[in-house]
N, C-alpha and C. Protein backbone atom coordinates (compact mmCIF):
# COMPACT_ATOMS: atom_id res chain seq x y z
N MET A 1 66.20 68.62 90.38
CA MET A 1 66.32 69.85 90.05
C MET A 1 66.53 71.26 91.38
N ARG A 2 65.71 70.74 92.28
CA ARG A 2 65.05 71.83 93.35
C ARG A 2 66.72 71.78 93.88
N SER A 3 66.29 70.72 94.32
CA SER A 3 66.89 70.71 95.63
C SER A 3 68.38 70.29 95.37
N ARG A 4 69.10 70.18 93.95
CA ARG A 4 70.29 70.44 93.66
C ARG A 4 70.66 72.25 94.05
N SER A 5 69.84 72.81 93.70
CA SER A 5 70.19 73.95 93.47
C SER A 5 69.39 74.71 94.71
N GLY A 6 69.00 73.82 95.62
CA GLY A 6 68.56 74.13 96.89
C GLY A 6 70.18 74.30 97.69
N ARG A 7 71.45 73.01 98.01
CA ARG A 7 71.96 72.74 97.71
C ARG A 7 73.31 73.47 97.86
N THR A 8 73.09 74.01 96.68
CA THR A 8 74.31 74.71 95.94
C THR A 8 73.78 76.26 97.05
N GLY A 9 72.82 76.62 96.86
CA GLY A 9 72.62 77.79 97.69
C GLY A 9 72.84 77.59 99.10
N ALA A 10 72.39 76.41 99.69
CA ALA A 10 73.03 76.56 100.89
C ALA A 10 74.85 76.38 101.22
N LEU A 11 75.23 75.95 100.35
CA LEU A 11 76.84 75.89 99.93
C LEU A 11 77.22 77.33 99.97
N LEU A 12 76.77 77.81 99.38
CA LEU A 12 77.40 79.54 99.10
C LEU A 12 77.01 80.29 99.82
N LEU A 13 75.66 79.90 100.88
CA LEU A 13 75.68 80.93 101.87
C LEU A 13 76.58 80.35 103.10
N ALA A 14 77.27 78.86 103.15
CA ALA A 14 78.14 78.56 103.90
C ALA A 14 79.43 78.95 103.68
N PHE A 15 79.93 79.09 102.42
CA PHE A 15 80.97 79.90 101.96
C PHE A 15 80.63 81.33 102.11
N ALA A 16 80.22 82.09 101.91
CA ALA A 16 79.74 83.32 102.59
C ALA A 16 80.30 83.33 103.82
N GLY A 17 79.98 82.45 104.69
CA GLY A 17 80.17 82.93 105.88
C GLY A 17 80.98 82.92 106.42
N LEU A 18 81.80 81.47 105.86
CA LEU A 18 83.43 81.40 106.01
C LEU A 18 84.26 82.29 105.91
N SER A 19 83.94 83.07 105.04
CA SER A 19 85.17 84.24 104.41
C SER A 19 84.48 85.06 105.12
N VAL A 20 83.38 85.51 105.84
CA VAL A 20 83.45 86.40 106.86
C VAL A 20 84.02 86.03 108.17
N GLY A 21 84.18 85.34 108.24
CA GLY A 21 84.58 84.17 109.55
C GLY A 21 86.04 84.43 109.59
N CYS A 22 86.91 84.14 108.08
CA CYS A 22 88.00 84.19 107.75
C CYS A 22 88.54 85.54 107.49
N GLY A 23 87.74 86.47 107.63
CA GLY A 23 88.30 88.19 106.90
C GLY A 23 88.12 88.42 109.07
N LYS A 24 87.33 87.94 109.77
CA LYS A 24 87.55 88.58 110.62
C LYS A 24 89.09 88.33 111.31
N PHE A 25 88.94 86.51 111.25
CA PHE A 25 90.47 85.92 112.28
C PHE A 25 91.41 86.71 111.48
N GLN A 26 91.52 87.03 110.33
CA GLN A 26 92.44 87.89 109.56
C GLN A 26 92.91 89.13 109.99
N GLN A 27 91.74 89.85 110.06
CA GLN A 27 91.80 91.25 110.63
C GLN A 27 92.03 91.15 111.92
N ALA A 28 91.92 90.34 113.08
CA ALA A 28 92.41 89.76 114.39
C ALA A 28 94.05 89.27 114.17
N ARG A 29 94.85 89.05 113.50
CA ARG A 29 95.68 88.00 113.20
C ARG A 29 96.62 89.80 113.00
N GLU A 30 96.58 90.45 111.48
CA GLU A 30 96.63 91.89 111.38
C GLU A 30 96.61 92.62 112.51
N CYS A 31 95.56 93.09 113.15
CA CYS A 31 95.75 93.62 114.44
C CYS A 31 97.09 93.42 114.88
N GLY A 32 96.35 92.52 115.64
CA GLY A 32 98.22 91.46 117.26
C GLY A 32 99.38 92.05 116.14
N SER A 33 99.55 91.49 114.60
CA SER A 33 100.74 92.28 113.82
C SER A 33 101.27 93.57 114.48
N PHE A 34 99.87 94.83 113.73
CA PHE A 34 100.38 95.84 113.67
C PHE A 34 100.54 96.13 115.59
N VAL A 35 99.89 95.87 116.21
CA VAL A 35 100.54 96.55 117.84
C VAL A 35 101.19 96.30 118.25
N LYS A 36 102.04 95.01 117.84
CA LYS A 36 103.15 94.58 118.42
C LYS A 36 104.54 95.50 117.47
N THR A 37 104.11 95.32 115.99
CA THR A 37 104.79 96.14 115.86
C THR A 37 105.28 97.57 116.53
N VAL A 38 104.20 98.14 116.59
CA VAL A 38 104.10 99.37 116.91
C VAL A 38 104.63 99.78 118.44
N ASN A 39 104.08 98.38 119.21
CA ASN A 39 104.27 98.74 120.90
C ASN A 39 106.03 98.75 120.46
N ALA A 40 107.08 97.88 120.18
CA ALA A 40 108.22 97.40 119.47
C ALA A 40 108.61 98.77 119.72
N TRP A 41 107.91 99.17 118.55
CA TRP A 41 109.18 100.70 117.89
C TRP A 41 109.24 102.10 119.14
N LEU A 42 108.26 101.60 119.77
CA LEU A 42 107.42 102.73 121.16
C LEU A 42 108.21 101.92 122.27
N SER A 43 108.97 101.63 122.15
CA SER A 43 109.37 100.95 123.59
C SER A 43 111.20 101.33 123.24
N ARG A 44 111.53 101.35 122.56
CA ARG A 44 112.67 102.21 121.69
C ARG A 44 113.22 103.51 121.93
N PRO A 45 114.00 103.72 122.64
CA PRO A 45 114.38 105.16 123.56
C PRO A 45 114.45 106.42 122.54
N GLU A 46 114.97 105.66 121.23
CA GLU A 46 114.80 106.76 119.49
C GLU A 46 113.74 107.55 119.86
N GLU A 47 112.38 106.93 120.09
CA GLU A 47 111.23 107.47 120.15
C GLU A 47 110.89 109.10 120.93
N ARG A 48 111.51 108.64 121.67
CA ARG A 48 111.17 110.11 122.98
C ARG A 48 112.86 110.74 122.27
N GLY A 49 113.52 110.79 121.46
CA GLY A 49 114.77 111.98 121.24
C GLY A 49 113.41 113.34 120.82
N ALA A 50 112.86 113.05 119.99
CA ALA A 50 111.75 113.92 119.74
C ALA A 50 112.26 115.46 120.02
N ALA A 51 110.99 114.71 121.87
CA ALA A 51 110.93 115.84 122.63
C ALA A 51 111.94 115.79 122.89
N ASP A 52 112.89 115.34 123.39
CA ASP A 52 114.43 115.67 124.36
C ASP A 52 115.38 116.65 123.82
N ALA A 53 114.80 116.51 122.19
CA ALA A 53 115.63 117.42 121.31
C ALA A 53 115.37 118.93 121.98
N GLY A 54 114.12 119.31 122.15
CA GLY A 54 113.89 120.86 122.46
C GLY A 54 114.83 120.95 123.72
N ALA A 55 115.39 121.05 124.76
CA ALA A 55 115.79 120.56 125.84
C ALA A 55 117.53 121.15 125.48
N SER A 56 117.58 120.95 124.42
CA SER A 56 119.00 121.59 123.95
C SER A 56 118.92 123.18 123.12
N ASN A 57 119.91 123.53 123.81
CA ASN A 57 120.32 125.12 123.09
C ASN A 57 121.10 125.17 121.59
N ASP A 58 121.96 124.09 121.83
CA ASP A 58 123.11 123.48 120.51
C ASP A 58 122.67 123.40 119.42
N PRO A 59 122.22 124.40 118.08
CA PRO A 59 121.90 123.79 116.84
C PRO A 59 122.59 122.11 116.59
N LYS A 60 123.50 122.34 116.81
CA LYS A 60 123.81 120.84 115.75
C LYS A 60 123.46 119.87 117.03
N GLN A 61 123.45 119.73 118.30
CA GLN A 61 122.94 118.51 118.82
C GLN A 61 121.18 118.47 119.18
N VAL A 62 120.91 119.32 118.52
CA VAL A 62 119.05 119.04 117.93
C VAL A 62 119.05 118.40 116.53
N ALA A 63 120.51 119.11 115.90
CA ALA A 63 120.01 118.85 114.21
C ALA A 63 120.32 117.03 114.55
N GLY A 64 121.55 116.82 115.30
CA GLY A 64 121.21 115.16 115.29
C GLY A 64 120.65 114.35 115.51
N GLU A 65 119.99 114.86 117.30
CA GLU A 65 119.00 114.19 117.64
C GLU A 65 117.60 114.32 116.58
N ALA A 66 117.13 115.26 115.84
CA ALA A 66 116.16 115.68 115.13
C ALA A 66 116.51 114.31 113.49
N ARG A 67 117.95 114.06 113.14
CA ARG A 67 117.88 113.01 112.50
C ARG A 67 117.44 111.47 112.95
N ARG A 68 118.04 111.62 113.90
CA ARG A 68 117.98 110.22 114.71
C ARG A 68 116.26 110.19 114.70
N THR A 69 115.81 110.48 115.60
CA THR A 69 114.36 110.36 115.29
C THR A 69 113.41 109.97 114.19
N ALA A 70 113.87 111.09 113.01
CA ALA A 70 113.39 110.34 111.53
C ALA A 70 114.30 109.71 111.31
N ALA A 71 114.82 109.07 111.40
CA ALA A 71 115.60 107.61 111.15
C ALA A 71 114.63 106.71 111.38
N HIS A 72 115.15 106.61 113.31
CA HIS A 72 113.30 105.98 113.67
C HIS A 72 111.82 105.82 113.22
N TYR A 73 111.34 107.44 112.61
CA TYR A 73 110.06 107.22 112.02
C TYR A 73 110.33 106.44 110.97
N ALA A 74 111.58 107.07 110.12
CA ALA A 74 111.56 106.32 108.98
C ALA A 74 111.31 104.13 108.68
N GLU A 75 111.84 104.03 110.09
CA GLU A 75 112.21 102.74 110.08
C GLU A 75 110.68 101.94 110.72
N LEU A 76 110.18 102.59 111.46
CA LEU A 76 108.31 102.10 111.64
C LEU A 76 107.37 102.47 110.11
N ALA A 77 107.74 103.56 109.74
CA ALA A 77 106.77 103.18 108.53
C ALA A 77 107.28 101.81 107.18
N GLN A 78 108.66 101.96 107.41
CA GLN A 78 109.50 100.58 107.36
C GLN A 78 108.34 99.13 107.80
N ARG A 79 108.56 99.51 108.80
CA ARG A 79 107.84 98.14 109.14
C ARG A 79 106.36 98.03 109.43
N LEU A 80 105.70 99.25 109.25
CA LEU A 80 104.53 98.92 108.82
C LEU A 80 104.32 99.01 107.59
N ALA A 81 104.86 99.18 105.99
CA ALA A 81 104.42 98.48 104.84
C ALA A 81 104.54 97.11 104.55
N ALA A 82 105.65 96.66 105.76
CA ALA A 82 105.83 95.30 105.56
C ALA A 82 105.19 94.12 106.34
N LEU A 83 104.09 94.85 107.12
CA LEU A 83 103.09 93.87 107.58
C LEU A 83 101.64 93.82 106.15
N HIS A 84 102.52 94.36 104.91
CA HIS A 84 101.10 93.91 104.24
C HIS A 84 99.77 93.15 104.64
N VAL A 85 98.86 94.47 105.51
CA VAL A 85 97.73 94.22 106.02
C VAL A 85 96.89 94.49 104.73
N GLN A 86 95.70 93.56 104.53
CA GLN A 86 94.99 93.41 103.57
C GLN A 86 93.30 93.49 104.34
N SER A 87 93.07 93.87 105.47
CA SER A 87 91.18 93.34 105.93
C SER A 87 91.47 94.87 105.59
N GLU A 88 89.84 94.80 105.61
CA GLU A 88 89.45 96.09 104.74
C GLU A 88 89.22 97.02 105.77
N ASP A 89 88.57 96.93 107.03
CA ASP A 89 88.73 97.75 107.67
C ASP A 89 90.02 98.70 107.99
N LEU A 90 91.22 97.81 108.63
CA LEU A 90 92.70 97.63 108.86
C LEU A 90 93.79 98.47 107.99
N ALA A 91 93.19 98.10 106.54
CA ALA A 91 94.27 98.39 106.23
C ALA A 91 94.65 99.93 105.69
N PRO A 92 93.52 100.56 105.42
CA PRO A 92 93.09 102.41 105.11
C PRO A 92 93.88 102.92 106.12
N ARG A 93 93.60 102.37 107.64
CA ARG A 93 94.31 102.48 108.68
C ARG A 93 95.50 102.96 109.15
N VAL A 94 95.88 101.98 109.06
CA VAL A 94 97.42 101.29 109.23
C VAL A 94 97.91 102.20 108.28
N LYS A 95 97.86 101.96 106.92
CA LYS A 95 98.10 103.10 105.48
C LYS A 95 98.22 104.74 106.36
N ARG A 96 97.38 105.38 107.10
CA ARG A 96 97.28 106.43 107.15
C ARG A 96 98.64 106.64 108.51
N TYR A 97 98.82 105.40 109.44
CA TYR A 97 99.95 105.49 110.46
C TYR A 97 101.04 105.37 109.74
N GLN A 98 100.98 104.57 108.70
CA GLN A 98 102.62 104.72 107.55
C GLN A 98 102.66 106.12 107.71
N ASP A 99 101.58 106.66 106.47
CA ASP A 99 101.53 108.14 106.31
C ASP A 99 101.99 108.85 107.66
N ILE A 100 101.74 108.97 108.54
CA ILE A 100 101.64 110.16 109.75
C ILE A 100 103.39 109.84 109.87
N ALA A 101 104.09 108.56 109.99
CA ALA A 101 105.65 108.56 110.33
C ALA A 101 106.26 108.58 109.08
N GLU A 102 105.86 108.13 107.89
CA GLU A 102 106.92 109.23 106.54
C GLU A 102 106.73 110.34 107.00
N THR A 103 105.87 110.73 107.17
CA THR A 103 105.84 112.59 107.40
C THR A 103 106.04 113.59 108.50
N ALA A 104 106.04 112.26 110.10
CA ALA A 104 107.46 112.94 110.41
C ALA A 104 109.34 112.32 110.01
N ASP A 105 109.18 111.25 109.38
CA ASP A 105 110.31 111.45 109.29
C ASP A 105 110.45 112.56 108.24
N ARG A 106 109.81 112.69 106.95
CA ARG A 106 110.45 113.83 106.57
C ARG A 106 110.74 115.11 107.19
N THR A 107 109.46 115.65 107.84
CA THR A 107 109.52 117.21 108.43
C THR A 107 110.86 117.00 109.54
N LEU A 108 111.27 115.73 110.17
CA LEU A 108 112.60 116.02 111.23
C LEU A 108 113.63 115.77 109.93
N GLN A 109 113.25 115.52 109.78
CA GLN A 109 114.80 115.88 108.42
C GLN A 109 114.90 116.99 108.29
N GLU A 110 113.24 117.72 107.71
CA GLU A 110 113.66 119.26 107.58
C GLU A 110 114.28 120.46 108.36
N VAL A 111 113.70 119.69 109.50
CA VAL A 111 114.75 120.45 110.84
C VAL A 111 115.42 120.44 111.20
N ALA A 112 115.80 119.29 110.86
CA ALA A 112 117.67 119.03 110.98
C ALA A 112 119.02 119.79 109.63
N GLU A 113 117.95 119.90 109.06
CA GLU A 113 118.75 120.47 107.21
C GLU A 113 118.44 122.25 107.82
N ALA A 114 117.52 122.58 107.80
CA ALA A 114 117.37 124.14 108.60
C ALA A 114 118.32 123.95 109.57
N LEU A 115 118.48 123.52 110.30
CA LEU A 115 119.56 123.91 111.73
C LEU A 115 120.87 123.78 111.01
N GLU A 116 121.06 122.71 110.52
CA GLU A 116 122.59 122.69 109.91
C GLU A 116 122.97 123.97 109.18
N HIS A 117 121.62 124.72 108.82
CA HIS A 117 122.10 125.63 107.60
C HIS A 117 122.13 127.14 108.45
N GLY A 118 121.78 127.24 109.44
CA GLY A 118 121.36 128.22 110.49
C GLY A 118 119.78 129.07 110.32
N ASP A 119 119.25 128.37 109.67
CA ASP A 119 118.17 129.02 109.39
C ASP A 119 116.83 128.36 110.83
N LEU A 120 117.02 129.42 112.53
CA LEU A 120 116.29 128.74 113.12
C LEU A 120 114.61 129.02 112.98
N ALA A 121 114.24 129.99 112.06
CA ALA A 121 113.05 130.37 111.71
C ALA A 121 112.36 129.26 110.99
N LEU A 122 112.82 128.96 110.08
CA LEU A 122 112.70 127.27 109.50
C LEU A 122 112.68 126.28 109.59
N ALA A 123 113.38 126.16 111.09
CA ALA A 123 113.32 125.22 111.64
C ALA A 123 112.36 124.66 112.82
N ARG A 124 111.98 126.15 113.47
CA ARG A 124 110.99 126.15 114.05
C ARG A 124 109.50 126.02 113.46
N LYS A 125 109.25 126.37 111.88
CA LYS A 125 108.29 126.19 111.75
C LYS A 125 108.35 124.88 111.27
N LYS A 126 109.43 124.23 110.58
CA LYS A 126 108.99 122.96 110.76
C LYS A 126 108.91 121.90 112.08
N ARG A 127 109.51 122.08 113.20
CA ARG A 127 108.75 121.93 114.05
C ARG A 127 107.32 121.61 114.53
N VAL A 128 106.87 122.66 114.03
CA VAL A 128 105.71 123.21 114.20
C VAL A 128 105.03 121.55 113.54
N ASP A 129 105.19 122.14 112.54
CA ASP A 129 105.02 121.20 111.54
C ASP A 129 104.50 119.74 111.92
N PHE A 130 105.89 119.40 112.63
CA PHE A 130 106.38 118.25 113.03
C PHE A 130 104.66 117.93 114.16
N ASP A 131 104.92 118.60 115.36
CA ASP A 131 103.72 118.85 116.17
C ASP A 131 102.82 118.28 115.89
N THR A 132 102.03 118.82 114.40
CA THR A 132 101.16 119.01 114.03
C THR A 132 100.59 118.01 113.21
N VAL A 133 102.15 116.92 113.10
CA VAL A 133 101.65 115.69 112.59
C VAL A 133 101.42 114.95 113.65
N ALA A 134 101.86 115.23 114.72
CA ALA A 134 102.35 113.79 115.70
C ALA A 134 100.93 114.10 116.00
N LYS A 135 99.91 115.15 115.88
CA LYS A 135 98.69 115.38 117.25
C LYS A 135 97.72 114.58 116.50
N GLY A 136 97.98 114.01 115.41
CA GLY A 136 96.95 113.76 114.35
C GLY A 136 96.86 111.14 114.57
N GLU A 137 98.01 111.33 116.05
CA GLU A 137 98.16 109.67 116.19
C GLU A 137 97.16 109.67 116.83
N PRO A 138 97.24 110.69 118.12
CA PRO A 138 96.24 109.85 118.90
C PRO A 138 94.78 109.19 118.79
N ALA A 139 94.21 109.91 117.76
CA ALA A 139 93.02 109.69 117.28
C ALA A 139 92.90 109.19 116.33
N LEU A 140 94.04 108.60 115.69
CA LEU A 140 94.16 107.50 115.00
C LEU A 140 94.25 106.10 115.16
N VAL A 141 95.30 106.25 116.90
CA VAL A 141 95.14 105.14 117.74
C VAL A 141 93.73 104.70 118.41
N LYS A 142 92.71 105.63 118.42
CA LYS A 142 91.85 105.55 119.14
C LYS A 142 90.70 104.69 118.12
N GLU A 143 90.82 105.20 116.67
CA GLU A 143 90.13 104.21 115.88
C GLU A 143 90.71 102.93 115.65
N ILE A 144 92.09 102.45 115.65
CA ILE A 144 92.96 101.39 115.08
C ILE A 144 92.37 100.23 117.09
N ASN A 145 92.15 101.20 117.43
CA ASN A 145 92.36 100.01 119.12
C ASN A 145 90.71 100.09 119.30
N GLY A 146 89.82 101.02 118.66
CA GLY A 146 88.33 100.61 118.76
C GLY A 146 88.13 99.38 117.94
N LEU A 147 88.88 99.66 116.43
CA LEU A 147 88.60 97.98 115.19
C LEU A 147 89.47 96.75 116.13
N CYS A 148 90.55 97.18 116.72
CA CYS A 148 90.97 95.30 116.88
C CYS A 148 90.88 95.01 118.17
N ARG A 149 89.38 95.14 118.79
CA ARG A 149 88.77 94.51 120.06
C ARG A 149 88.67 93.60 119.80
């Protein structure tokens, strides 16, 4: 009896070790998918639109650029959601990145709407809100980079 329970315990330990190893493999795979997705998104020219929008004084042009950039962030949020990240450490960080993209989309849509209605004060406030959201990204990227080494 003892030898059988000893083998069972050894098998359980082996399976536990495999699951930890599989978890790390899964996280590495998901890290690769995440990085590939974000890098592909960053390489597209629409991402630079929000920064360039401030160069124009024409509210209609700025509103159009804000809408294009908002759509670009919406695309990122959808791509991140489609990854279905399950890794215990990575999943909440990817969700936070997705939340940043969704908030950026929504805020830029509000910038465009305010500009289209001639409310320059609200447009400026919403643009500051967008900048605040964007400032949260570098720290999160640093966390994810540390996790995905």
